[in-house]
Amino acid sequence: MVEALRGCSIAYMEAGLYWAGRNYALAAVTGECRKFEQSGSVEGIDPSIFTHWFECELQLGRVPFALTAYELGANIRHGRSRTDEQKEFAEKNAY
């Protein structure tokens, strides 16, 4: 379902319907956060969902929300890193 929501979001964004795209991206983010709530682990969370949400917020010029999306995505990438190399890569290439 999360992938379908992201696909709809991408379609709306490409059609120029940025608010609709943002709403679908946020629904996808909510689905990913539900995974964390159920498992208590970031292992099952796809950080690219947060990257897409970040891009949607930037398109709308909503900087505080874009920064929130960036921070959450960076935290998930860092939390999923297992080795020091992966952690360093996650810090350098968050987006």
PDB file of N, CA and C in Angstrom:
ATOM      1  N   MET A   1       0.819  -1.186   0.000  1.00  0.00           N
ATOM      2  CA  MET A   1       0.000   0.000   0.000  1.00  0.00           C
ATOM      3  C   MET A   1       0.874   1.267   0.000  1.00  0.00           C
ATOM      4  N   VAL A   2       1.975   1.205   0.734  1.00  0.00           N
ATOM      5  CA  VAL A   2       2.859   2.368   0.803  1.00  0.00           C
ATOM      6  C   VAL A   2       3.422   2.689  -0.584  1.00  0.00           C
ATOM      7  N   GLU A   3       3.787   1.658  -1.320  1.00  0.00           N
ATOM      8  CA  GLU A   3       4.323   1.876  -2.669  1.00  0.00           C
ATOM      9  C   GLU A   3       3.260   2.469  -3.597  1.00  0.00           C
ATOM     10  N   ALA A   4       2.012   2.046  -3.452  1.00  0.00           N
ATOM     11  CA  ALA A   4       0.923   2.598  -4.261  1.00  0.00           C
ATOM     12  C   ALA A   4       0.705   4.066  -3.921  1.00  0.00           C
ATOM     13  N   LEU A   5       0.772   4.400  -2.640  1.00  0.00           N
ATOM     14  CA  LEU A   5       0.618   5.791  -2.236  1.00  0.00           C
ATOM     15  C   LEU A   5       1.752   6.653  -2.787  1.00  0.00           C
ATOM     16  N   ARG A   6       2.967   6.116  -2.745  1.00  0.00           N
ATOM     17  CA  ARG A   6       4.093   6.869  -3.295  1.00  0.00           C
ATOM     18  C   ARG A   6       3.934   7.047  -4.802  1.00  0.00           C
ATOM     19  N   GLY A   7       3.485   6.016  -5.487  1.00  0.00           N
ATOM     20  CA  GLY A   7       3.258   6.116  -6.930  1.00  0.00           C
ATOM     21  C   GLY A   7       2.216   7.167  -7.276  1.00  0.00           C
ATOM     22  N   CYS A   8       1.128   7.195  -6.517  1.00  0.00           N
ATOM     23  CA  CYS A   8       0.107   8.226  -6.734  1.00  0.00           C
ATOM     24  C   CYS A   8       0.684   9.616  -6.469  1.00  0.00           C
ATOM     25  N   SER A   9       1.498   9.721  -5.436  1.00  0.00           N
ATOM     26  CA  SER A   9       2.116  11.003  -5.112  1.00  0.00           C
ATOM     27  C   SER A   9       3.002  11.490  -6.248  1.00  0.00           C
ATOM     28  N   ILE A  10       3.789  10.588  -6.795  1.00  0.00           N
ATOM     29  CA  ILE A  10       4.671  10.954  -7.908  1.00  0.00           C
ATOM     30  C   ILE A  10       3.844  11.397  -9.105  1.00  0.00           C
ATOM     31  N   ALA A  11       2.759  10.682  -9.388  1.00  0.00           N
ATOM     32  CA  ALA A  11       1.898  11.040 -10.523  1.00  0.00           C
ATOM     33  C   ALA A  11       1.291  12.430 -10.329  1.00  0.00           C
ATOM     34  N   TYR A  12       0.802  12.707  -9.136  1.00  0.00           N
ATOM     35  CA  TYR A  12       0.231  14.024  -8.873  1.00  0.00           C
ATOM     36  C   TYR A  12       1.286  15.122  -8.973  1.00  0.00           C
ATOM     37  N   MET A  13       2.475  14.853  -8.462  1.00  0.00           N
ATOM     38  CA  MET A  13       3.543  15.855  -8.523  1.00  0.00           C
ATOM     39  C   MET A  13       3.900  16.170  -9.975  1.00  0.00           C
ATOM     40  N   GLU A  14       3.987  15.143 -10.800  1.00  0.00           N
ATOM     41  CA  GLU A  14       4.332  15.360 -12.202  1.00  0.00           C
ATOM     42  C   GLU A  14       3.217  16.063 -12.960  1.00  0.00           C
ATOM     43  N   ALA A  15       1.992  15.932 -12.478  1.00  0.00           N
ATOM     44  CA  ALA A  15       0.858  16.616 -13.103  1.00  0.00           C
ATOM     45  C   ALA A  15       0.723  18.058 -12.608  1.00  0.00           C
ATOM     46  N   GLY A  16       1.569  18.434 -11.661  1.00  0.00           N
ATOM     47  CA  GLY A  16       1.525  19.794 -11.137  1.00  0.00           C
ATOM     48  C   GLY A  16       0.554  19.979  -9.985  1.00  0.00           C
ATOM     49  N   LEU A  17       0.009  18.907  -9.490  1.00  0.00           N
ATOM     50  CA  LEU A  17      -0.917  18.957  -8.360  1.00  0.00           C
ATOM     51  C   LEU A  17      -0.126  18.678  -7.080  1.00  0.00           C
ATOM     52  N   TYR A  18       0.615  19.688  -6.650  1.00  0.00           N
ATOM     53  CA  TYR A  18       1.587  19.513  -5.582  1.00  0.00           C
ATOM     54  C   TYR A  18       0.958  19.197  -4.228  1.00  0.00           C
ATOM     55  N   TRP A  19      -0.174  19.805  -3.910  1.00  0.00           N
ATOM     56  CA  TRP A  19      -0.805  19.528  -2.623  1.00  0.00           C
ATOM     57  C   TRP A  19      -1.318  18.103  -2.573  1.00  0.00           C
ATOM     58  N   ALA A  20      -1.906  17.637  -3.659  1.00  0.00           N
ATOM     59  CA  ALA A  20      -2.380  16.246  -3.698  1.00  0.00           C
ATOM     60  C   ALA A  20      -1.196  15.289  -3.580  1.00  0.00           C
ATOM     61  N   GLY A  21      -0.099  15.609  -4.280  1.00  0.00           N
ATOM     62  CA  GLY A  21       1.105  14.795  -4.184  1.00  0.00           C
ATOM     63  C   GLY A  21       1.660  14.760  -2.785  1.00  0.00           C
ATOM     64  N   ARG A  22       1.640  15.893  -2.120  1.00  0.00           N
ATOM     65  CA  ARG A  22       2.133  15.969  -0.741  1.00  0.00           C
ATOM     66  C   ARG A  22       1.257  15.135   0.181  1.00  0.00           C
ATOM     67  N   ASN A  23      -0.060  15.189  -0.017  1.00  0.00           N
ATOM     68  CA  ASN A  23      -0.961  14.420   0.842  1.00  0.00           C
ATOM     69  C   ASN A  23      -0.735  12.920   0.698  1.00  0.00           C
ATOM     70  N   TYR A  24      -0.529  12.463  -0.528  1.00  0.00           N
ATOM     71  CA  TYR A  24      -0.255  11.038  -0.732  1.00  0.00           C
ATOM     72  C   TYR A  24       1.115  10.658  -0.165  1.00  0.00           C
ATOM     73  N   ALA A  25       2.097  11.542  -0.304  1.00  0.00           N
ATOM     74  CA  ALA A  25       3.423  11.270   0.272  1.00  0.00           C
ATOM     75  C   ALA A  25       3.330  11.169   1.791  1.00  0.00           C
ATOM     76  N   LEU A  26       2.551  12.062   2.382  1.00  0.00           N
ATOM     77  CA  LEU A  26       2.394  12.032   3.833  1.00  0.00           C
ATOM     78  C   LEU A  26       1.653  10.775   4.291  1.00  0.00           C
ATOM     79  N   ALA A  27       0.709  10.304   3.494  1.00  0.00           N
ATOM     80  CA  ALA A  27       0.027   9.045   3.817  1.00  0.00           C
ATOM     81  C   ALA A  27       1.014   7.877   3.754  1.00  0.00           C
ATOM     82  N   ALA A  28       1.932   7.903   2.787  1.00  0.00           N
ATOM     83  CA  ALA A  28       2.953   6.861   2.693  1.00  0.00           C
ATOM     84  C   ALA A  28       3.888   6.914   3.899  1.00  0.00           C
ATOM     85  N   VAL A  29       4.258   8.118   4.311  1.00  0.00           N
ATOM     86  CA  VAL A  29       5.112   8.288   5.490  1.00  0.00           C
ATOM     87  C   VAL A  29       4.404   7.736   6.732  1.00  0.00           C
ATOM     88  N   THR A  30       3.120   7.995   6.831  1.00  0.00           N
ATOM     89  CA  THR A  30       2.349   7.485   7.965  1.00  0.00           C
ATOM     90  C   THR A  30       2.372   5.960   7.994  1.00  0.00           C
ATOM     91  N   GLY A  31       2.258   5.345   6.826  1.00  0.00           N
ATOM     92  CA  GLY A  31       2.337   3.886   6.743  1.00  0.00           C
ATOM     93  C   GLY A  31       3.687   3.363   7.200  1.00  0.00           C
ATOM     94  N   GLU A  32       4.748   4.061   6.822  1.00  0.00           N
ATOM     95  CA  GLU A  32       6.091   3.650   7.243  1.00  0.00           C
ATOM     96  C   GLU A  32       6.262   3.829   8.756  1.00  0.00           C
ATOM     97  N   CYS A  33       5.720   4.897   9.296  1.00  0.00           N
ATOM     98  CA  CYS A  33       5.822   5.126  10.738  1.00  0.00           C
ATOM     99  C   CYS A  33       5.026   4.086  11.513  1.00  0.00           C
ATOM    100  N   ARG A  34       3.957   3.600  10.924  1.00  0.00           N
ATOM    101  CA  ARG A  34       3.172   2.541  11.561  1.00  0.00           C
ATOM    102  C   ARG A  34       4.020   1.275  11.705  1.00  0.00           C
ATOM    103  N   LYS A  35       4.873   1.016  10.704  1.00  0.00           N
ATOM    104  CA  LYS A  35       5.767  -0.144  10.801  1.00  0.00           C
ATOM    105  C   LYS A  35       6.681  -0.012  12.020  1.00  0.00           C
ATOM    106  N   PHE A  36       7.195   1.202  12.229  1.00  0.00           N
ATOM    107  CA  PHE A  36       8.068   1.438  13.376  1.00  0.00           C
ATOM    108  C   PHE A  36       7.293   1.263  14.678  1.00  0.00           C
ATOM    109  N   GLU A  37       6.073   1.761  14.696  1.00  0.00           N
ATOM    110  CA  GLU A  37       5.253   1.655  15.898  1.00  0.00           C
ATOM    111  C   GLU A  37       4.979   0.193  16.261  1.00  0.00           C
ATOM    112  N   GLN A  38       4.781  -0.627  15.249  1.00  0.00           N
ATOM    113  CA  GLN A  38       4.477  -2.036  15.505  1.00  0.00           C
ATOM    114  C   GLN A  38       5.707  -2.849  15.884  1.00  0.00           C
ATOM    115  N   SER A  39       6.829  -2.574  15.211  1.00  0.00           N
ATOM    116  CA  SER A  39       8.017  -3.399  15.443  1.00  0.00           C
ATOM    117  C   SER A  39       9.009  -2.782  16.429  1.00  0.00           C
ATOM    118  N   GLY A  40       9.019  -1.464  16.543  1.00  0.00           N
ATOM    119  CA  GLY A  40       9.984  -0.802  17.408  1.00  0.00           C
ATOM    120  C   GLY A  40      11.376  -0.734  16.803  1.00  0.00           C
ATOM    121  N   SER A  41      11.471  -1.035  15.502  1.00  0.00           N
ATOM    122  CA  SER A  41      12.759  -1.051  14.816  1.00  0.00           C
ATOM    123  C   SER A  41      12.657  -0.266  13.503  1.00  0.00           C
ATOM    124  N   VAL A  42      13.748   0.386  13.123  1.00  0.00           N
ATOM    125  CA  VAL A  42      13.764   1.128  11.862  1.00  0.00           C
ATOM    126  C   VAL A  42      14.178   0.258  10.677  1.00  0.00           C
ATOM    127  N   GLU A  43      14.457  -1.009  10.944  1.00  0.00           N
ATOM    128  CA  GLU A  43      14.933  -1.904   9.876  1.00  0.00           C
ATOM    129  C   GLU A  43      13.935  -2.056   8.738  1.00  0.00           C
ATOM    130  N   GLY A  44      12.647  -2.054   9.025  1.00  0.00           N
ATOM    131  CA  GLY A  44      11.650  -2.260   7.985  1.00  0.00           C
ATOM    132  C   GLY A  44      11.193  -0.989   7.295  1.00  0.00           C
ATOM    133  N   ILE A  45      11.754   0.144   7.669  1.00  0.00           N
ATOM    134  CA  ILE A  45      11.316   1.430   7.119  1.00  0.00           C
ATOM    135  C   ILE A  45      12.149   1.780   5.897  1.00  0.00           C
ATOM    136  N   ASP A  46      11.469   2.214   4.847  1.00  0.00           N
ATOM    137  CA  ASP A  46      12.135   2.620   3.610  1.00  0.00           C
ATOM    138  C   ASP A  46      12.425   4.120   3.680  1.00  0.00           C
ATOM    139  N   PRO A  47      13.698   4.523   3.794  1.00  0.00           N
ATOM    140  CA  PRO A  47      14.009   5.944   3.922  1.00  0.00           C
ATOM    141  C   PRO A  47      13.715   6.758   2.662  1.00  0.00           C
ATOM    142  N   SER A  48      13.578   6.097   1.522  1.00  0.00           N
ATOM    143  CA  SER A  48      13.290   6.856   0.300  1.00  0.00           C
ATOM    144  C   SER A  48      11.899   7.489   0.335  1.00  0.00           C
ATOM    145  N   ILE A  49      10.996   6.946   1.142  1.00  0.00           N
ATOM    146  CA  ILE A  49       9.668   7.549   1.323  1.00  0.00           C
ATOM    147  C   ILE A  49       9.826   8.944   1.923  1.00  0.00           C
ATOM    148  N   PHE A  50      10.735   9.064   2.884  1.00  0.00           N
ATOM    149  CA  PHE A  50      10.968  10.347   3.525  1.00  0.00           C
ATOM    150  C   PHE A  50      11.659  11.320   2.564  1.00  0.00           C
ATOM    151  N   THR A  51      12.491  10.791   1.691  1.00  0.00           N
ATOM    152  CA  THR A  51      13.126  11.630   0.668  1.00  0.00           C
ATOM    153  C   THR A  51      12.066  12.217  -0.262  1.00  0.00           C
ATOM    154  N   HIS A  52      11.110  11.396  -0.641  1.00  0.00           N
ATOM    155  CA  HIS A  52      10.044  11.887  -1.518  1.00  0.00           C
ATOM    156  C   HIS A  52       9.188  12.935  -0.807  1.00  0.00           C
ATOM    157  N   TRP A  53       8.876  12.698   0.450  1.00  0.00           N
ATOM    158  CA  TRP A  53       8.118  13.678   1.231  1.00  0.00           C
ATOM    159  C   TRP A  53       8.892  14.994   1.303  1.00  0.00           C
ATOM    160  N   PHE A  54      10.189  14.907   1.518  1.00  0.00           N
ATOM    161  CA  PHE A  54      11.061  16.079   1.540  1.00  0.00           C
ATOM    162  C   PHE A  54      10.954  16.863   0.236  1.00  0.00           C
ATOM    163  N   GLU A  55      11.003  16.176  -0.896  1.00  0.00           N
ATOM    164  CA  GLU A  55      10.918  16.830  -2.196  1.00  0.00           C
ATOM    165  C   GLU A  55       9.562  17.490  -2.396  1.00  0.00           C
ATOM    166  N   CYS A  56       8.504  16.849  -1.925  1.00  0.00           N
ATOM    167  CA  CYS A  56       7.164  17.438  -2.032  1.00  0.00           C
ATOM    168  C   CYS A  56       7.075  18.743  -1.241  1.00  0.00           C
ATOM    169  N   GLU A  57       7.589  18.712  -0.033  1.00  0.00           N
ATOM    170  CA  GLU A  57       7.541  19.914   0.803  1.00  0.00           C
ATOM    171  C   GLU A  57       8.377  21.043   0.191  1.00  0.00           C
ATOM    172  N   LEU A  58       9.494  20.706  -0.420  1.00  0.00           N
ATOM    173  CA  LEU A  58      10.306  21.730  -1.073  1.00  0.00           C
ATOM    174  C   LEU A  58       9.562  22.356  -2.254  1.00  0.00           C
ATOM    175  N   GLN A  59       8.869  21.545  -3.029  1.00  0.00           N
ATOM    176  CA  GLN A  59       8.102  22.052  -4.166  1.00  0.00           C
ATOM    177  C   GLN A  59       7.052  23.065  -3.711  1.00  0.00           C
ATOM    178  N   LEU A  60       6.504  22.843  -2.541  1.00  0.00           N
ATOM    179  CA  LEU A  60       5.478  23.741  -2.007  1.00  0.00           C
ATOM    180  C   LEU A  60       6.082  24.925  -1.253  1.00  0.00           C
ATOM    181  N   GLY A  61       7.394  24.908  -1.030  1.00  0.00           N
ATOM    182  CA  GLY A  61       8.055  26.000  -0.318  1.00  0.00           C
ATOM    183  C   GLY A  61       7.843  25.957   1.183  1.00  0.00           C
ATOM    184  N   ARG A  62       7.518  24.813   1.700  1.00  0.00           N
ATOM    185  CA  ARG A  62       7.264  24.643   3.134  1.00  0.00           C
ATOM    186  C   ARG A  62       8.556  24.192   3.810  1.00  0.00           C
ATOM    187  N   VAL A  63       9.427  25.128   4.058  1.00  0.00           N
ATOM    188  CA  VAL A  63      10.773  24.838   4.549  1.00  0.00           C
ATOM    189  C   VAL A  63      10.776  24.128   5.905  1.00  0.00           C
ATOM    190  N   PRO A  64       9.997  24.564   6.899  1.00  0.00           N
ATOM    191  CA  PRO A  64      10.049  23.847   8.182  1.00  0.00           C
ATOM    192  C   PRO A  64       9.657  22.368   8.051  1.00  0.00           C
ATOM    193  N   PHE A  65       8.664  22.087   7.210  1.00  0.00           N
ATOM    194  CA  PHE A  65       8.236  20.705   7.019  1.00  0.00           C
ATOM    195  C   PHE A  65       9.278  19.924   6.211  1.00  0.00           C
ATOM    196  N   ALA A  66       9.916  20.600   5.270  1.00  0.00           N
ATOM    197  CA  ALA A  66      10.983  19.955   4.502  1.00  0.00           C
ATOM    198  C   ALA A  66      12.141  19.584   5.426  1.00  0.00           C
ATOM    199  N   LEU A  67      12.460  20.463   6.349  1.00  0.00           N
ATOM    200  CA  LEU A  67      13.536  20.162   7.301  1.00  0.00           C
ATOM    201  C   LEU A  67      13.165  18.996   8.217  1.00  0.00           C
ATOM    202  N   THR A  68      11.907  18.916   8.602  1.00  0.00           N
ATOM    203  CA  THR A  68      11.446  17.794   9.417  1.00  0.00           C
ATOM    204  C   THR A  68      11.584  16.490   8.644  1.00  0.00           C
ATOM    205  N   ALA A  69      11.162  16.502   7.375  1.00  0.00           N
ATOM    206  CA  ALA A  69      11.275  15.302   6.539  1.00  0.00           C
ATOM    207  C   ALA A  69      12.738  14.904   6.373  1.00  0.00           C
ATOM    208  N   TYR A  70      13.599  15.886   6.172  1.00  0.00           N
ATOM    209  CA  TYR A  70      15.030  15.622   6.018  1.00  0.00           C
ATOM    210  C   TYR A  70      15.598  14.986   7.284  1.00  0.00           C
ATOM    211  N   GLU A  71      15.250  15.568   8.424  1.00  0.00           N
ATOM    212  CA  GLU A  71      15.779  15.066   9.692  1.00  0.00           C
ATOM    213  C   GLU A  71      15.307  13.640   9.964  1.00  0.00           C
ATOM    214  N   LEU A  72      14.030  13.364   9.741  1.00  0.00           N
ATOM    215  CA  LEU A  72      13.520  12.011   9.965  1.00  0.00           C
ATOM    216  C   LEU A  72      14.193  11.004   9.034  1.00  0.00           C
ATOM    217  N   GLY A  73      14.343  11.373   7.763  1.00  0.00           N
ATOM    218  CA  GLY A  73      15.005  10.490   6.807  1.00  0.00           C
ATOM    219  C   GLY A  73      16.455  10.222   7.189  1.00  0.00           C
ATOM    220  N   ALA A  74      17.153  11.275   7.616  1.00  0.00           N
ATOM    221  CA  ALA A  74      18.551  11.111   8.024  1.00  0.00           C
ATOM    222  C   ALA A  74      18.657  10.219   9.260  1.00  0.00           C
ATOM    223  N   ASN A  75      17.737  10.381  10.205  1.00  0.00           N
ATOM    224  CA  ASN A  75      17.753   9.533  11.404  1.00  0.00           C
ATOM    225  C   ASN A  75      17.497   8.075  11.056  1.00  0.00           C
ATOM    226  N   ILE A  76      16.594   7.829  10.138  1.00  0.00           N
ATOM    227  CA  ILE A  76      16.307   6.456   9.734  1.00  0.00           C
ATOM    228  C   ILE A  76      17.507   5.853   9.022  1.00  0.00           C
ATOM    229  N   ARG A  77      18.120   6.606   8.118  1.00  0.00           N
ATOM    230  CA  ARG A  77      19.310   6.098   7.423  1.00  0.00           C
ATOM    231  C   ARG A  77      20.420   5.780   8.414  1.00  0.00           C
ATOM    232  N   HIS A  78      20.603   6.668   9.358  1.00  0.00           N
ATOM    233  CA  HIS A  78      21.652   6.448  10.359  1.00  0.00           C
ATOM    234  C   HIS A  78      21.306   5.247  11.246  1.00  0.00           C
ATOM    235  N   GLY A  79      20.042   5.108  11.615  1.00  0.00           N
ATOM    236  CA  GLY A  79      19.620   3.992  12.444  1.00  0.00           C
ATOM    237  C   GLY A  79      19.734   2.646  11.750  1.00  0.00           C
ATOM    238  N   ARG A  80      19.615   2.641  10.434  1.00  0.00           N
ATOM    239  CA  ARG A  80      19.725   1.399   9.674  1.00  0.00           C
ATOM    240  C   ARG A  80      21.170   1.031   9.371  1.00  0.00           C
ATOM    241  N   SER A  81      22.090   1.945   9.576  1.00  0.00           N
ATOM    242  CA  SER A  81      23.504   1.689   9.305  1.00  0.00           C
ATOM    243  C   SER A  81      24.065   0.727  10.336  1.00  0.00           C
ATOM    244  N   ARG A  82      24.821  -0.247   9.856  1.00  0.00           N
ATOM    245  CA  ARG A  82      25.378  -1.250  10.763  1.00  0.00           C
ATOM    246  C   ARG A  82      26.875  -1.045  11.009  1.00  0.00           C
ATOM    247  N   THR A  83      27.597  -0.648   9.986  1.00  0.00           N
ATOM    248  CA  THR A  83      29.041  -0.474  10.136  1.00  0.00           C
ATOM    249  C   THR A  83      29.374   1.013  10.174  1.00  0.00           C
ATOM    250  N   ASP A  84      30.591   1.310  10.580  1.00  0.00           N
ATOM    251  CA  ASP A  84      31.032   2.703  10.608  1.00  0.00           C
ATOM    252  C   ASP A  84      31.048   3.300   9.205  1.00  0.00           C
ATOM    253  N   GLU A  85      31.407   2.497   8.206  1.00  0.00           N
ATOM    254  CA  GLU A  85      31.413   2.986   6.827  1.00  0.00           C
ATOM    255  C   GLU A  85      30.005   3.363   6.383  1.00  0.00           C
ATOM    256  N   GLN A  86      29.039   2.534   6.721  1.00  0.00           N
ATOM    257  CA  GLN A  86      27.654   2.824   6.362  1.00  0.00           C
ATOM    258  C   GLN A  86      27.162   4.074   7.084  1.00  0.00           C
ATOM    259  N   LYS A  87      27.537   4.232   8.339  1.00  0.00           N
ATOM    260  CA  LYS A  87      27.132   5.419   9.089  1.00  0.00           C
ATOM    261  C   LYS A  87      27.748   6.680   8.475  1.00  0.00           C
ATOM    262  N   GLU A  88      29.007   6.586   8.093  1.00  0.00           N
ATOM    263  CA  GLU A  88      29.672   7.729   7.473  1.00  0.00           C
ATOM    264  C   GLU A  88      29.017   8.055   6.131  1.00  0.00           C
ATOM    265  N   PHE A  89      28.715   7.030   5.356  1.00  0.00           N
ATOM    266  CA  PHE A  89      28.054   7.228   4.073  1.00  0.00           C
ATOM    267  C   PHE A  89      26.667   7.853   4.268  1.00  0.00           C
ATOM    268  N   ALA A  90      25.930   7.384   5.279  1.00  0.00           N
ATOM    269  CA  ALA A  90      24.591   7.914   5.563  1.00  0.00           C
ATOM    270  C   ALA A  90      24.654   9.383   5.964  1.00  0.00           C
ATOM    271  N   GLU A  91      25.678   9.755   6.708  1.00  0.00           N
ATOM    272  CA  GLU A  91      25.817  11.145   7.120  1.00  0.00           C
ATOM    273  C   GLU A  91      26.176  12.053   5.951  1.00  0.00           C
ATOM    274  N   LYS A  92      27.031  11.575   5.039  1.00  0.00           N
ATOM    275  CA  LYS A  92      27.455  12.382   3.897  1.00  0.00           C
ATOM    276  C   LYS A  92      26.392  12.460   2.808  1.00  0.00           C
ATOM    277  N   ASN A  93      25.677  11.370   2.595  1.00  0.00           N
ATOM    278  CA  ASN A  93      24.747  11.284   1.466  1.00  0.00           C
ATOM    279  C   ASN A  93      23.315  11.111   1.923  1.00  0.00           C
ATOM    280  N   ALA A  94      22.890  11.888   2.882  1.00  0.00           N
ATOM    281  CA  ALA A  94      21.531  11.740   3.402  1.00  0.00           C
ATOM    282  C   ALA A  94      20.512  11.980   2.301  1.00  0.00           C
ATOM    283  N   TYR A  95      20.727  12.920   1.412  1.00  0.00           N
ATOM    284  CA  TYR A  95      19.801  13.193   0.302  1.00  0.00           C
ATOM    285  C   TYR A  95      20.550  13.549  -0.927  1.00  0.00           C
TER     286      TYR A  95
END
